[in-house]
Amino acid sequence: MCTLEQRGRVFVLTLTGDGEHRLGHSLIGSIRAAVSSVAAAAAAAGPGAALVTVAEGRFFSNGLDIGPGGIPPSRVGELVVALRPLAADLLALPMPTVAAVTGHASAGGFLLTLCHDYRLMRADRGVLYMSEIDIGLPLPPYFVAILRAKITAAHALRDVTLRGRKLKAAEAKEMGIVDVVCPTAAETAAEAVKLAEQLAARKWNGNVYSSIRISMFPEACRSVGIVEESDEEKRNHFASKL
């Protein structure tokens, strides 16, 4: 399903195999377990860590595991519910996160990339695609909240959600969805690790990093069940550091 490797201060989570990495109960659970391990290891090691998520094969993730080989479309709600806490895990993770988009990322797979702080994408193959408009499924409210938080240009959000536009790396970068475009999958993964090493080297306090991220995207975080600190809690936390 996935593997987790620690390279110094950087944790590399890899979706393994040549399949489509569809997000069924097993893969979602496997990723959540890996992310939990990352959080625990980083807490034990002290400040300075980062996570890279990458995938083997042609797909980063082709979305929720519905249809042939997966659950019936009539039960898609089960996977929508199951994916929500994984989004919360990533949005609350106390360290910088980097998605190395080494292949197609569709629907729930696209959402998974948006739950990371940075996105690097290969130029030679792969698209970002929110397919719900084309397959006749409504967007779950937390999908919408995360999309609105991470795709800030109105025309880009429109094209992704209401037009079902399939974005190659250069187009996604122009829209502000992707941060860096790399020539190949291998270079995308290598550059993602390099960026993560630079971020981890700053040795930021993870809890502070997570708190700032949550305060930056309050609607998205509330939509997945993350509760932002109250103003009083923030003041008390700040005062305790003085």
Protein backbone atom coordinates (compact mmCIF):
# COMPACT_ATOMS: atom_id res chain seq x y z
CA MET A 1 0.00 0.00 0.00
CA CYS A 2 2.59 2.53 1.12
CA THR A 3 6.03 2.67 2.70
CA LEU A 4 7.62 5.17 5.06
CA GLU A 5 11.32 6.00 5.02
CA GLN A 6 13.21 8.47 7.15
CA ARG A 7 16.08 10.35 5.52
CA GLY A 8 17.60 12.49 8.21
CA ARG A 9 14.94 15.05 9.13
CA VAL A 10 12.76 14.16 6.13
CA PHE A 11 10.09 11.46 6.07
CA VAL A 12 9.24 10.04 2.63
CA LEU A 13 5.82 8.40 2.29
CA THR A 14 5.59 6.40 -0.94
CA LEU A 15 2.43 4.96 -2.49
CA THR A 16 3.87 1.75 -3.87
CA GLY A 17 3.21 -0.31 -6.98
CA ASP A 18 2.21 0.38 -10.57
CA GLY A 19 -1.53 0.64 -9.95
CA GLU A 20 -3.76 3.70 -9.74
CA HIS A 21 -3.39 4.16 -5.96
CA ARG A 22 -7.14 4.47 -5.60
CA LEU A 23 -8.21 5.61 -2.17
CA GLY A 24 -10.09 2.73 -0.64
CA HIS A 25 -10.41 1.89 3.04
CA SER A 26 -7.14 -0.08 3.07
CA LEU A 27 -4.97 2.57 1.41
CA ILE A 28 -6.52 5.42 3.41
CA GLY A 29 -5.87 3.48 6.61
CA SER A 30 -2.31 2.71 5.55
CA ILE A 31 -1.55 6.36 4.79
CA ARG A 32 -3.13 7.50 8.06
CA ALA A 33 -0.99 5.03 9.99
CA ALA A 34 2.15 6.28 8.24
CA VAL A 35 1.30 9.93 8.92
CA SER A 36 0.65 9.09 12.57
CA SER A 37 4.07 7.42 12.76
CA VAL A 38 5.67 10.52 11.26
CA ALA A 39 4.03 12.77 13.83
CA ALA A 40 5.13 10.52 16.71
CA ALA A 41 8.72 10.21 15.46
CA ALA A 42 9.01 13.95 14.88
CA ALA A 43 7.67 14.71 18.36
CA ALA A 44 10.25 12.41 19.90
CA ALA A 45 13.11 13.87 17.85
CA GLY A 46 12.37 17.54 18.53
CA PRO A 47 12.04 20.52 16.15
CA GLY A 48 12.93 20.17 12.50
CA ALA A 49 11.08 17.70 10.26
CA ALA A 50 9.20 17.57 6.96
CA LEU A 51 7.07 15.07 5.05
CA VAL A 52 7.24 14.22 1.34
CA THR A 53 4.47 12.17 -0.28
CA VAL A 54 5.28 10.53 -3.61
CA ALA A 55 3.88 7.67 -5.69
CA GLU A 56 5.27 4.98 -7.93
CA GLY A 57 3.94 4.35 -11.44
CA ARG A 58 1.80 6.47 -13.77
CA PHE A 59 -0.61 7.67 -11.08
CA PHE A 60 -0.19 9.75 -7.97
CA SER A 61 -3.75 8.73 -7.09
CA ASN A 62 -6.77 8.23 -9.32
CA GLY A 63 -9.23 9.17 -6.61
CA LEU A 64 -11.66 7.20 -4.48
CA ASP A 65 -11.83 3.45 -5.11
CA ILE A 66 -15.27 3.17 -6.68
CA GLY A 67 -16.46 1.17 -9.65
CA PRO A 68 -14.83 -2.03 -11.00
CA GLY A 69 -12.57 -3.53 -8.36
CA GLY A 70 -13.72 -1.07 -5.71
CA ILE A 71 -16.94 -0.34 -3.87
CA PRO A 72 -20.20 0.31 -5.79
CA PRO A 73 -20.82 3.96 -6.72
CA SER A 74 -23.90 3.85 -4.47
CA ARG A 75 -21.55 3.53 -1.48
CA VAL A 76 -19.17 6.33 -2.43
CA GLY A 77 -20.26 8.20 0.70
CA GLU A 78 -18.35 5.66 2.81
CA LEU A 79 -15.06 6.65 1.21
CA VAL A 80 -15.89 10.36 1.30
CA VAL A 81 -16.28 9.97 5.07
CA ALA A 82 -13.11 7.85 5.36
CA LEU A 83 -10.95 10.34 3.45
CA ARG A 84 -11.96 13.31 5.61
CA PRO A 85 -9.81 12.39 8.65
CA LEU A 86 -6.80 11.80 6.39
CA ALA A 87 -7.22 15.34 5.09
CA ALA A 88 -7.35 16.48 8.71
CA ASP A 89 -4.20 14.52 9.56
CA LEU A 90 -2.26 16.30 6.83
CA LEU A 91 -3.69 19.76 7.47
CA ALA A 92 -2.83 19.48 11.17
CA LEU A 93 0.54 17.72 10.80
CA PRO A 94 3.14 19.65 12.82
CA MET A 95 5.70 20.06 10.04
CA PRO A 96 5.94 21.25 6.40
CA THR A 97 4.48 18.85 3.85
CA VAL A 98 5.43 18.43 0.20
CA ALA A 99 3.53 16.48 -2.48
CA ALA A 100 5.67 15.14 -5.34
CA VAL A 101 2.99 14.73 -8.02
CA THR A 102 4.70 12.14 -10.17
CA GLY A 103 1.59 11.05 -12.09
CA HIS A 104 -2.12 11.65 -12.60
CA ALA A 105 -3.96 13.03 -9.56
CA SER A 106 -7.72 12.91 -9.96
CA ALA A 107 -10.63 13.81 -7.68
CA GLY A 108 -9.72 12.53 -4.21
CA GLY A 109 -6.13 12.16 -5.40
CA PHE A 110 -6.08 15.81 -6.43
CA LEU A 111 -7.54 16.70 -3.04
CA LEU A 112 -4.76 14.72 -1.37
CA THR A 113 -2.13 16.89 -3.08
CA LEU A 114 -3.95 20.06 -1.96
CA CYS A 115 -3.72 18.95 1.67
CA HIS A 116 0.06 19.43 1.41
CA ASP A 117 1.79 22.79 1.81
CA TYR A 118 3.78 22.52 -1.43
CA ARG A 119 3.20 20.74 -4.72
CA LEU A 120 5.87 19.80 -7.24
CA MET A 121 4.73 18.17 -10.50
CA ARG A 122 6.37 16.40 -13.41
CA ALA A 123 6.08 18.05 -16.79
CA ASP A 124 6.30 15.03 -19.07
CA ARG A 125 3.20 13.15 -17.89
CA GLY A 126 0.21 13.50 -15.60
CA VAL A 127 -2.69 15.85 -15.00
CA LEU A 128 -4.59 17.32 -12.08
CA TYR A 129 -8.29 16.64 -12.60
CA MET A 130 -11.35 17.18 -10.39
CA SER A 131 -13.64 14.77 -12.21
CA GLU A 132 -16.89 15.14 -10.25
CA ILE A 133 -18.58 17.44 -12.77
CA ASP A 134 -17.92 14.92 -15.56
CA ILE A 135 -19.00 11.80 -13.69
CA GLY A 136 -22.08 13.40 -12.13
CA LEU A 137 -21.13 13.44 -8.47
CA PRO A 138 -21.54 16.46 -6.18
CA LEU A 139 -18.45 17.78 -4.46
CA PRO A 140 -18.43 17.01 -0.72
CA PRO A 141 -18.45 20.17 1.41
CA TYR A 142 -14.95 19.58 2.76
CA PHE A 143 -13.63 19.10 -0.80
CA VAL A 144 -15.08 22.51 -1.64
CA ALA A 145 -13.58 24.14 1.46
CA ILE A 146 -10.10 22.77 0.71
CA LEU A 147 -10.34 23.67 -2.98
CA ARG A 148 -11.33 27.24 -2.10
CA ALA A 149 -8.49 27.51 0.42
CA LYS A 150 -5.78 26.23 -1.89
CA ILE A 151 -6.92 27.49 -5.32
CA THR A 152 -7.24 31.21 -4.79
CA ALA A 153 -7.62 32.50 -8.35
CA ALA A 154 -11.34 32.62 -9.18
CA HIS A 155 -10.90 31.56 -12.81
CA ALA A 156 -8.69 28.63 -11.76
CA LEU A 157 -11.22 27.43 -9.19
CA ARG A 158 -14.00 27.73 -11.78
CA ASP A 159 -12.07 25.76 -14.40
CA VAL A 160 -11.13 23.03 -11.94
CA THR A 161 -14.59 22.53 -10.43
CA LEU A 162 -17.15 23.66 -13.02
CA ARG A 163 -15.28 22.85 -16.20
CA GLY A 164 -13.45 19.68 -15.19
CA ARG A 165 -10.30 21.00 -16.80
CA LYS A 166 -7.37 18.58 -16.88
CA LEU A 167 -4.32 20.57 -15.89
CA LYS A 168 -0.82 19.70 -16.98
CA ALA A 169 2.04 20.86 -14.81
CA ALA A 170 2.78 24.14 -16.61
CA GLU A 171 -0.91 25.15 -16.57
CA ALA A 172 -1.24 24.26 -12.90
CA LYS A 173 1.83 26.33 -12.06
CA GLU A 174 0.46 29.30 -14.00
CA MET A 175 -2.74 29.04 -11.95
CA GLY A 176 -0.78 28.97 -8.71
CA ILE A 177 -1.78 25.40 -7.84
CA VAL A 178 1.68 23.89 -8.39
CA ASP A 179 4.84 25.50 -7.00
CA VAL A 180 7.54 23.82 -9.08
CA VAL A 181 7.55 21.96 -12.40
CA CYS A 182 10.22 19.32 -12.98
CA PRO A 183 11.06 17.47 -16.21
CA THR A 184 10.52 13.88 -15.01
CA ALA A 185 9.10 11.82 -12.14
CA ALA A 186 12.56 11.09 -10.74
CA GLU A 187 13.51 14.76 -10.77
CA THR A 188 10.18 15.70 -9.18
CA ALA A 189 10.77 13.31 -6.30
CA ALA A 190 14.38 14.44 -5.86
CA GLU A 191 13.45 18.13 -5.85
CA ALA A 192 10.63 17.47 -3.37
CA VAL A 193 13.07 15.85 -0.95
CA LYS A 194 15.54 18.71 -1.47
CA LEU A 195 12.84 21.27 -0.65
CA ALA A 196 11.76 19.25 2.39
CA GLU A 197 15.36 19.13 3.64
CA GLN A 198 15.60 22.91 3.34
CA LEU A 199 12.36 23.37 5.26
CA ALA A 200 13.26 20.86 7.95
CA ALA A 201 16.65 22.53 8.42
CA ARG A 202 14.84 25.64 9.70
CA LYS A 203 13.98 23.63 12.83
CA TRP A 204 10.63 25.29 13.31
CA ASN A 205 8.49 24.35 16.30
CA GLY A 206 6.01 21.86 14.87
CA ASN A 207 3.10 22.86 17.05
CA VAL A 208 3.56 26.50 16.10
CA TYR A 209 3.79 25.56 12.41
CA SER A 210 0.57 23.57 12.63
CA SER A 211 -1.19 26.35 14.55
CA ILE A 212 -0.27 28.95 11.93
CA ARG A 213 -1.39 26.67 9.09
CA ILE A 214 -4.74 26.08 10.77
CA SER A 215 -5.23 29.81 11.31
CA MET A 216 -4.45 30.47 7.63
CA PHE A 217 -7.08 28.03 6.35
CA PRO A 218 -9.79 28.10 9.04
CA GLU A 219 -12.74 27.14 6.82
CA ALA A 220 -10.90 24.18 5.29
CA CYS A 221 -9.69 23.01 8.68
CA ARG A 222 -13.13 23.31 10.28
CA SER A 223 -14.60 21.34 7.39
CA VAL A 224 -12.45 18.32 8.27
CA GLY A 225 -13.00 18.63 12.01
CA ILE A 226 -9.95 20.61 13.08
CA VAL A 227 -10.85 23.20 15.69
CA GLU A 228 -8.79 26.39 15.66
CA GLU A 229 -7.47 27.71 18.95
CA SER A 230 -9.56 30.49 20.47
CA ASP A 231 -8.05 33.97 20.70
CA GLU A 232 -7.64 33.49 24.44
CA GLU A 233 -5.80 30.18 23.93
CA LYS A 234 -3.52 31.84 21.38
CA ARG A 235 -2.75 34.68 23.80
CA ASN A 236 -2.00 32.24 26.61
CA HIS A 237 0.19 30.11 24.36
CA PHE A 238 2.05 33.19 23.14
CA ALA A 239 2.49 34.50 26.66
CA SER A 240 3.93 31.17 27.82
CA LYS A 241 6.72 31.54 25.25
CA LEU A 242 7.76 35.02 26.45
